[in-house]
Every structure is written in C-alpha cells, then in structure tokens.
Amino acid sequence: MTLNRPRKIIHRVRSSLPSLILPNLTFKGPLKQITPWAIAYLTLNLLTACGGYPRYLNFPFDSGGRGLNSPAEELTPQIASPYVVFVSDRNSSQAVYLFDTQRRRLVDLPGLNSLNEIASHPAITEDGRYIVFSASRQGKSDIYLYDRETQQKRNLSESLNFETRNPTISADGDRIAFEVAQNGQWDIMVVDRSGAVLNNL
C-alpha cells in the first residue's frame, strides 16, 4: 500500500503539470534511474514539509497598555528585528511606541513624544537606533528624526513651508525620504540626518 502511494502522487502531478515544467532530462551514471517525475515527487514532498511557514507571533494582550497590543488603537507598524515601532493612542495622545519582541516589552523613548503633537507613520533603522516619524502640531506637519543613543529629536522639515507626510528611513539611517506638497502636487524629498536635501543618491 505504501509503495503504490508515490506512483499515485506522481501520476497526479504528471497529469496536472504541463510538459514544459519538466522537460525530458537525460542523466548519466548513477543518476540515470532518476526521472523528471521522481524529481517532481521529491519537490512536492519538500514543499509540503514547509507547511508551517509563515507562522504567527502571538503577543499577549495587555489591558494596562504595557505590551504590543492594548485596548487602544495600534497603527502603522514597522519592523526592524527585534523591534516593532508603531503609533498608539493608549495614553490619550497619539504617540510613537517601540516594542522589543525578544524581551517582550516596550522600550522607553525619552524626549520623543510631546503632548501637543500628533505622531504618525514611524519607521526605524535596521539597528534600531534611529526612528523617523511625522508629527502634527497646531495644524502644521513636520518630519522628525529621533536618536535613541543621544535621546535627541531633530525637526528635518522645519525650514520647509510645505505639508509633509509618510517618512521612511534607509537601513543604515543615512537617508530619510518623505512626501512633500509643493507646486500643487505631492513629491518625494530625500534628506540626510541633518535635514540637508540630497540631490544625488
């Protein structure tokens, strides 16, 4: 019964796949007994063995607002392993949060959030040092860069008299791109960590 099963599977594969997928192959030496349909059978088994991927990471719900998920809204998550940076209004103000998936706890971000700002669309570098985000204050939106090592926040668009939104940052933190409204349309601007516009990337 077990010996017949591979033949049945190979037959189903043979009847369902077009001949272009497995052309006639010629093997020499010890491999001459291997047929394309045997390769198909082995491939089928290898693929089905990977059925557990992808998998969900389950983080417990924390009603106290100290975890990744809370009773409040969690928005626009970005991942740079092991970190997840996101926006939440869990403390009655829309602010940026950083969660360490290995230690399974929030990371303190002193000096990043302000009560008079509405934060949105954060992004983080590969090493987790720099966080870029958009913040709106008194009707004007700006792009900010936060350095976790120095705990300093820099306004990258302070000199611009245009609306800005949706920032992103390169893996090494050298370049920040965001949308800027000028000349009646949304364009993309790229700056360095000091806020200087980069014309050549």
C-alpha atoms as a PDB file:
ATOM      1  CA  MET A   1       0.000   0.000   0.000  1.00  0.00           C
ATOM      2  CA  THR A   2       2.811   2.373   0.865  1.00  0.00           C
ATOM      3  CA  LEU A   3       4.691   1.512  -2.355  1.00  0.00           C
ATOM      4  CA  ASN A   4       1.721   2.466  -4.511  1.00  0.00           C
ATOM      5  CA  ARG A   5       1.278   5.899  -2.953  1.00  0.00           C
ATOM      6  CA  PRO A   6       4.274   7.575  -4.676  1.00  0.00           C
ATOM      7  CA  ARG A   7       3.036   6.275  -8.019  1.00  0.00           C
ATOM      8  CA  LYS A   8      -0.400   7.785  -7.410  1.00  0.00           C
ATOM      9  CA  ILE A   9       1.073  11.137  -6.416  1.00  0.00           C
ATOM     10  CA  ILE A  10       3.440  11.153  -9.380  1.00  0.00           C
ATOM     11  CA  HIS A  11       0.551  10.274 -11.660  1.00  0.00           C
ATOM     12  CA  ARG A  12      -1.475  13.208 -10.322  1.00  0.00           C
ATOM     13  CA  VAL A  13       1.498  15.542 -10.743  1.00  0.00           C
ATOM     14  CA  ARG A  14       2.138  14.188 -14.231  1.00  0.00           C
ATOM     15  CA  SER A  15      -1.468  14.756 -15.288  1.00  0.00           C
ATOM     16  CA  SER A  16      -1.745  18.242 -13.778  1.00  0.00           C
ATOM     17  CA  LEU A  17       1.561  19.818 -14.846  1.00  0.00           C
ATOM     18  CA  PRO A  18       2.264  20.875 -18.416  1.00  0.00           C
ATOM     19  CA  SER A  19       5.172  19.195 -20.109  1.00  0.00           C
ATOM     20  CA  LEU A  20       7.076  22.468 -20.260  1.00  0.00           C
ATOM     21  CA  ILE A  21       7.598  22.458 -16.490  1.00  0.00           C
ATOM     22  CA  LEU A  22       9.502  19.166 -16.521  1.00  0.00           C
ATOM     23  CA  PRO A  23      11.303  18.693 -19.825  1.00  0.00           C
ATOM     24  CA  ASN A  24      12.872  15.418 -20.823  1.00  0.00           C
ATOM     25  CA  LEU A  25      16.135  15.246 -18.904  1.00  0.00           C
ATOM     26  CA  THR A  26      18.974  12.820 -19.549  1.00  0.00           C
ATOM     27  CA  PHE A  27      21.126  11.677 -16.616  1.00  0.00           C
ATOM     28  CA  LYS A  28      24.345   9.698 -16.738  1.00  0.00           C
ATOM     29  CA  GLY A  29      25.964   7.302 -14.286  1.00  0.00           C
ATOM     30  CA  PRO A  30      24.134   6.526 -11.042  1.00  0.00           C
ATOM     31  CA  LEU A  31      21.571   9.281 -11.757  1.00  0.00           C
ATOM     32  CA  LYS A  32      20.277   7.698 -14.958  1.00  0.00           C
ATOM     33  CA  GLN A  33      17.492   5.960 -12.995  1.00  0.00           C
ATOM     34  CA  ILE A  34      16.106   9.314 -11.789  1.00  0.00           C
ATOM     35  CA  THR A  35      13.254  10.595 -13.931  1.00  0.00           C
ATOM     36  CA  PRO A  36      11.785  14.101 -14.017  1.00  0.00           C
ATOM     37  CA  TRP A  37       8.675  12.736 -12.326  1.00  0.00           C
ATOM     38  CA  ALA A  38      10.739  11.422  -9.450  1.00  0.00           C
ATOM     39  CA  ILE A  39      12.166  14.936  -9.099  1.00  0.00           C
ATOM     40  CA  ALA A  40       8.620  16.283  -9.095  1.00  0.00           C
ATOM     41  CA  TYR A  41       7.673  13.870  -6.315  1.00  0.00           C
ATOM     42  CA  LEU A  42      10.689  14.851  -4.196  1.00  0.00           C
ATOM     43  CA  THR A  43       9.999  18.552  -4.749  1.00  0.00           C
ATOM     44  CA  LEU A  44       6.361  18.075  -3.799  1.00  0.00           C
ATOM     45  CA  ASN A  45       7.375  16.445  -0.526  1.00  0.00           C
ATOM     46  CA  LEU A  46       9.916  19.166   0.246  1.00  0.00           C
ATOM     47  CA  LEU A  47       7.347  21.885  -0.315  1.00  0.00           C
ATOM     48  CA  THR A  48       4.684  20.233   1.800  1.00  0.00           C
ATOM     49  CA  ALA A  49       7.242  19.750   4.581  1.00  0.00           C
ATOM     50  CA  CYS A  50       7.469  23.549   4.823  1.00  0.00           C
ATOM     51  CA  GLY A  51       3.775  23.882   5.575  1.00  0.00           C
ATOM     52  CA  GLY A  52       4.430  25.553   8.935  1.00  0.00           C
ATOM     53  CA  TYR A  53       5.843  28.710   7.344  1.00  0.00           C
ATOM     54  CA  PRO A  54       4.929  31.527   7.753  1.00  0.00           C
ATOM     55  CA  ARG A  55       3.952  31.435  11.394  1.00  0.00           C
ATOM     56  CA  TYR A  56       2.164  33.939  13.578  1.00  0.00           C
ATOM     57  CA  LEU A  57       3.898  35.552  16.535  1.00  0.00           C
ATOM     58  CA  ASN A  58       1.400  35.745  19.347  1.00  0.00           C
ATOM     59  CA  PHE A  59       1.953  38.536  21.856  1.00  0.00           C
ATOM     60  CA  PRO A  60      -0.407  38.643  24.820  1.00  0.00           C
ATOM     61  CA  PHE A  61      -2.981  41.396  25.092  1.00  0.00           C
ATOM     62  CA  ASP A  62      -2.074  43.854  27.869  1.00  0.00           C
ATOM     63  CA  SER A  63      -5.028  45.797  29.219  1.00  0.00           C
ATOM     64  CA  GLY A  64      -2.587  48.086  31.059  1.00  0.00           C
ATOM     65  CA  GLY A  65      -1.019  49.341  27.824  1.00  0.00           C
ATOM     66  CA  ARG A  66       2.451  47.934  28.535  1.00  0.00           C
ATOM     67  CA  GLY A  67       2.574  45.443  25.668  1.00  0.00           C
ATOM     68  CA  LEU A  68       2.384  45.387  21.902  1.00  0.00           C
ATOM     69  CA  ASN A  69      -1.425  45.281  21.862  1.00  0.00           C
ATOM     70  CA  SER A  70      -3.728  47.232  24.134  1.00  0.00           C
ATOM     71  CA  PRO A  71      -7.380  48.359  24.299  1.00  0.00           C
ATOM     72  CA  ALA A  72      -6.366  51.417  22.230  1.00  0.00           C
ATOM     73  CA  GLU A  73      -5.663  51.620  18.503  1.00  0.00           C
ATOM     74  CA  GLU A  74      -2.256  50.425  17.297  1.00  0.00           C
ATOM     75  CA  LEU A  75      -1.412  51.874  13.865  1.00  0.00           C
ATOM     76  CA  THR A  76       1.212  51.790  11.058  1.00  0.00           C
ATOM     77  CA  PRO A  77       3.652  49.197  12.459  1.00  0.00           C
ATOM     78  CA  GLN A  78       7.158  48.900  11.007  1.00  0.00           C
ATOM     79  CA  ILE A  79       9.622  46.101  11.795  1.00  0.00           C
ATOM     80  CA  ALA A  80      13.397  46.050  12.208  1.00  0.00           C
ATOM     81  CA  SER A  81      14.079  42.832  14.078  1.00  0.00           C
ATOM     82  CA  PRO A  82      13.786  42.545  17.018  1.00  0.00           C
ATOM     83  CA  TYR A  83      11.891  45.835  17.168  1.00  0.00           C
ATOM     84  CA  VAL A  84       8.389  46.880  16.163  1.00  0.00           C
ATOM     85  CA  VAL A  85       7.760  50.622  16.025  1.00  0.00           C
ATOM     86  CA  PHE A  86       4.158  51.818  15.842  1.00  0.00           C
ATOM     87  CA  VAL A  87       1.714  54.549  16.790  1.00  0.00           C
ATOM     88  CA  SER A  88      -0.898  54.207  19.521  1.00  0.00           C
ATOM     89  CA  ASP A  89      -3.320  56.461  21.374  1.00  0.00           C
ATOM     90  CA  ARG A  90      -3.226  54.315  24.508  1.00  0.00           C
ATOM     91  CA  ASN A  91      -2.312  57.269  26.750  1.00  0.00           C
ATOM     92  CA  SER A  92      -4.936  59.684  25.395  1.00  0.00           C
ATOM     93  CA  SER A  93      -2.406  61.034  22.898  1.00  0.00           C
ATOM     94  CA  GLN A  94      -1.323  59.583  19.550  1.00  0.00           C
ATOM     95  CA  ALA A  95       2.349  58.805  20.143  1.00  0.00           C
ATOM     96  CA  VAL A  96       5.205  56.600  18.905  1.00  0.00           C
ATOM     97  CA  TYR A  97       5.996  53.346  20.735  1.00  0.00           C
ATOM     98  CA  LEU A  98       8.801  50.823  20.377  1.00  0.00           C
ATOM     99  CA  PHE A  99       8.342  47.159  21.295  1.00  0.00           C
ATOM    100  CA  ASP A 100      11.190  44.672  21.790  1.00  0.00           C
ATOM    101  CA  THR A 101       9.944  41.276  20.550  1.00  0.00           C
ATOM    102  CA  GLN A 102      12.766  39.369  22.260  1.00  0.00           C
ATOM    103  CA  ARG A 103      12.317  40.892  25.704  1.00  0.00           C
ATOM    104  CA  ARG A 104       8.577  41.197  25.044  1.00  0.00           C
ATOM    105  CA  ARG A 105       8.263  44.675  26.484  1.00  0.00           C
ATOM    106  CA  LEU A 106       8.049  48.331  25.490  1.00  0.00           C
ATOM    107  CA  VAL A 107      11.275  50.313  25.152  1.00  0.00           C
ATOM    108  CA  ASP A 108      11.450  53.763  26.751  1.00  0.00           C
ATOM    109  CA  LEU A 109      11.800  56.660  24.289  1.00  0.00           C
ATOM    110  CA  PRO A 110      12.549  59.704  26.469  1.00  0.00           C
ATOM    111  CA  GLY A 111      12.123  63.022  24.685  1.00  0.00           C
ATOM    112  CA  LEU A 112      10.451  61.588  21.589  1.00  0.00           C
ATOM    113  CA  ASN A 113       6.749  62.195  22.228  1.00  0.00           C
ATOM    114  CA  SER A 114       5.121  65.516  23.104  1.00  0.00           C
ATOM    115  CA  LEU A 115       1.624  66.055  24.462  1.00  0.00           C
ATOM    116  CA  ASN A 116       0.948  68.833  21.925  1.00  0.00           C
ATOM    117  CA  GLU A 117       1.924  66.660  18.918  1.00  0.00           C
ATOM    118  CA  ILE A 118       0.003  64.017  16.988  1.00  0.00           C
ATOM    119  CA  ALA A 119       2.520  61.430  15.779  1.00  0.00           C
ATOM    120  CA  SER A 120       2.103  59.135  12.785  1.00  0.00           C
ATOM    121  CA  HIS A 121       3.922  56.840  10.319  1.00  0.00           C
ATOM    122  CA  PRO A 122       7.078  55.904  12.228  1.00  0.00           C
ATOM    123  CA  ALA A 123       9.960  53.974  10.654  1.00  0.00           C
ATOM    124  CA  ILE A 124      13.130  52.571  12.200  1.00  0.00           C
ATOM    125  CA  THR A 125      16.661  51.756  11.077  1.00  0.00           C
ATOM    126  CA  GLU A 126      17.990  48.217  10.914  1.00  0.00           C
ATOM    127  CA  ASP A 127      19.995  48.573  14.144  1.00  0.00           C
ATOM    128  CA  GLY A 128      17.076  50.232  15.956  1.00  0.00           C
ATOM    129  CA  ARG A 129      18.999  53.430  16.718  1.00  0.00           C
ATOM    130  CA  TYR A 130      17.108  55.978  14.611  1.00  0.00           C
ATOM    131  CA  ILE A 131      13.353  56.471  14.432  1.00  0.00           C
ATOM    132  CA  VAL A 132      11.783  58.806  11.902  1.00  0.00           C
ATOM    133  CA  PHE A 133       8.149  59.873  12.118  1.00  0.00           C
ATOM    134  CA  SER A 134       5.664  62.542  11.174  1.00  0.00           C
ATOM    135  CA  ALA A 135       4.117  64.800  13.784  1.00  0.00           C
ATOM    136  CA  SER A 136       1.439  67.459  13.525  1.00  0.00           C
ATOM    137  CA  ARG A 137       1.393  70.493  15.802  1.00  0.00           C
ATOM    138  CA  GLN A 138      -1.029  73.421  15.537  1.00  0.00           C
ATOM    139  CA  GLY A 139      -2.067  72.352  12.049  1.00  0.00           C
ATOM    140  CA  LYS A 140       1.473  72.001  10.638  1.00  0.00           C
ATOM    141  CA  SER A 141       3.058  68.645   9.982  1.00  0.00           C
ATOM    142  CA  ASP A 142       6.808  68.029  10.161  1.00  0.00           C
ATOM    143  CA  ILE A 143       9.228  65.137   9.844  1.00  0.00           C
ATOM    144  CA  TYR A 144      11.276  64.283  12.930  1.00  0.00           C
ATOM    145  CA  LEU A 145      14.335  62.107  13.488  1.00  0.00           C
ATOM    146  CA  TYR A 146      14.916  60.608  16.932  1.00  0.00           C
ATOM    147  CA  ASP A 147      18.289  59.226  18.037  1.00  0.00           C
ATOM    148  CA  ARG A 148      17.896  56.576  20.745  1.00  0.00           C
ATOM    149  CA  GLU A 149      21.542  56.866  21.790  1.00  0.00           C
ATOM    150  CA  THR A 150      21.541  60.613  22.418  1.00  0.00           C
ATOM    151  CA  GLN A 151      17.779  60.801  23.143  1.00  0.00           C
ATOM    152  CA  GLN A 152      17.595  63.855  20.882  1.00  0.00           C
ATOM    153  CA  LYS A 153      14.840  64.745  18.405  1.00  0.00           C
ATOM    154  CA  ARG A 154      15.532  66.813  15.279  1.00  0.00           C
ATOM    155  CA  ASN A 155      12.981  68.521  13.040  1.00  0.00           C
ATOM    156  CA  LEU A 156      14.095  67.671   9.487  1.00  0.00           C
ATOM    157  CA  SER A 157      11.488  69.795   7.683  1.00  0.00           C
ATOM    158  CA  GLU A 158      11.477  72.904   9.865  1.00  0.00           C
ATOM    159  CA  SER A 159      12.725  75.121   7.018  1.00  0.00           C
ATOM    160  CA  LEU A 160      10.092  73.867   4.572  1.00  0.00           C
ATOM    161  CA  ASN A 161       6.892  75.826   4.102  1.00  0.00           C
ATOM    162  CA  PHE A 162       5.053  72.788   2.747  1.00  0.00           C
ATOM    163  CA  GLU A 163       2.992  69.972   4.151  1.00  0.00           C
ATOM    164  CA  THR A 164       4.935  66.739   4.709  1.00  0.00           C
ATOM    165  CA  ARG A 165       3.918  63.136   5.386  1.00  0.00           C
ATOM    166  CA  ASN A 166       4.827  59.418   5.232  1.00  0.00           C
ATOM    167  CA  PRO A 167       8.539  59.365   6.108  1.00  0.00           C
ATOM    168  CA  THR A 168      10.800  56.354   5.695  1.00  0.00           C
ATOM    169  CA  ILE A 169      14.463  55.807   6.537  1.00  0.00           C
ATOM    170  CA  SER A 170      17.259  53.779   4.983  1.00  0.00           C
ATOM    171  CA  ALA A 171      18.540  50.689   6.800  1.00  0.00           C
ATOM    172  CA  ASP A 172      21.736  52.482   7.894  1.00  0.00           C
ATOM    173  CA  GLY A 173      19.952  55.722   8.786  1.00  0.00           C
ATOM    174  CA  ASP A 174      21.886  57.898   6.326  1.00  0.00           C
ATOM    175  CA  ARG A 175      18.876  58.891   4.199  1.00  0.00           C
ATOM    176  CA  ILE A 176      15.314  59.862   5.013  1.00  0.00           C
ATOM    177  CA  ALA A 177      12.642  60.116   2.329  1.00  0.00           C
ATOM    178  CA  PHE A 178       9.195  61.645   2.721  1.00  0.00           C
ATOM    179  CA  GLU A 179       6.367  63.202   0.748  1.00  0.00           C
ATOM    180  CA  VAL A 180       6.159  66.967   0.414  1.00  0.00           C
ATOM    181  CA  ALA A 181       3.296  69.032  -1.047  1.00  0.00           C
ATOM    182  CA  GLN A 182       4.657  71.630  -3.424  1.00  0.00           C
ATOM    183  CA  ASN A 183       3.567  73.119  -6.748  1.00  0.00           C
ATOM    184  CA  GLY A 184       0.095  71.684  -6.280  1.00  0.00           C
ATOM    185  CA  GLN A 185       1.183  68.046  -6.028  1.00  0.00           C
ATOM    186  CA  TRP A 186       2.881  65.553  -3.729  1.00  0.00           C
ATOM    187  CA  ASP A 187       6.574  64.948  -4.496  1.00  0.00           C
ATOM    188  CA  ILE A 188       9.311  62.922  -2.796  1.00  0.00           C
ATOM    189  CA  MET A 189      12.176  64.614  -0.974  1.00  0.00           C
ATOM    190  CA  VAL A 190      15.304  62.865   0.318  1.00  0.00           C
ATOM    191  CA  VAL A 191      17.438  64.376   3.089  1.00  0.00           C
ATOM    192  CA  ASP A 192      20.304  63.280   5.316  1.00  0.00           C
ATOM    193  CA  ARG A 193      20.177  63.114   9.113  1.00  0.00           C
ATOM    194  CA  SER A 194      20.898  66.847   9.379  1.00  0.00           C
ATOM    195  CA  GLY A 195      17.955  67.704   7.113  1.00  0.00           C
ATOM    196  CA  ALA A 196      20.095  68.704   4.120  1.00  0.00           C
ATOM    197  CA  VAL A 197      18.417  67.903   0.807  1.00  0.00           C
ATOM    198  CA  LEU A 198      20.207  65.199  -1.202  1.00  0.00           C
ATOM    199  CA  ASN A 199      20.217  65.713  -4.957  1.00  0.00           C
ATOM    200  CA  ASN A 200      22.459  62.753  -5.752  1.00  0.00           C
ATOM    201  CA  LEU A 201      21.704  59.408  -4.096  1.00  0.00           C
END
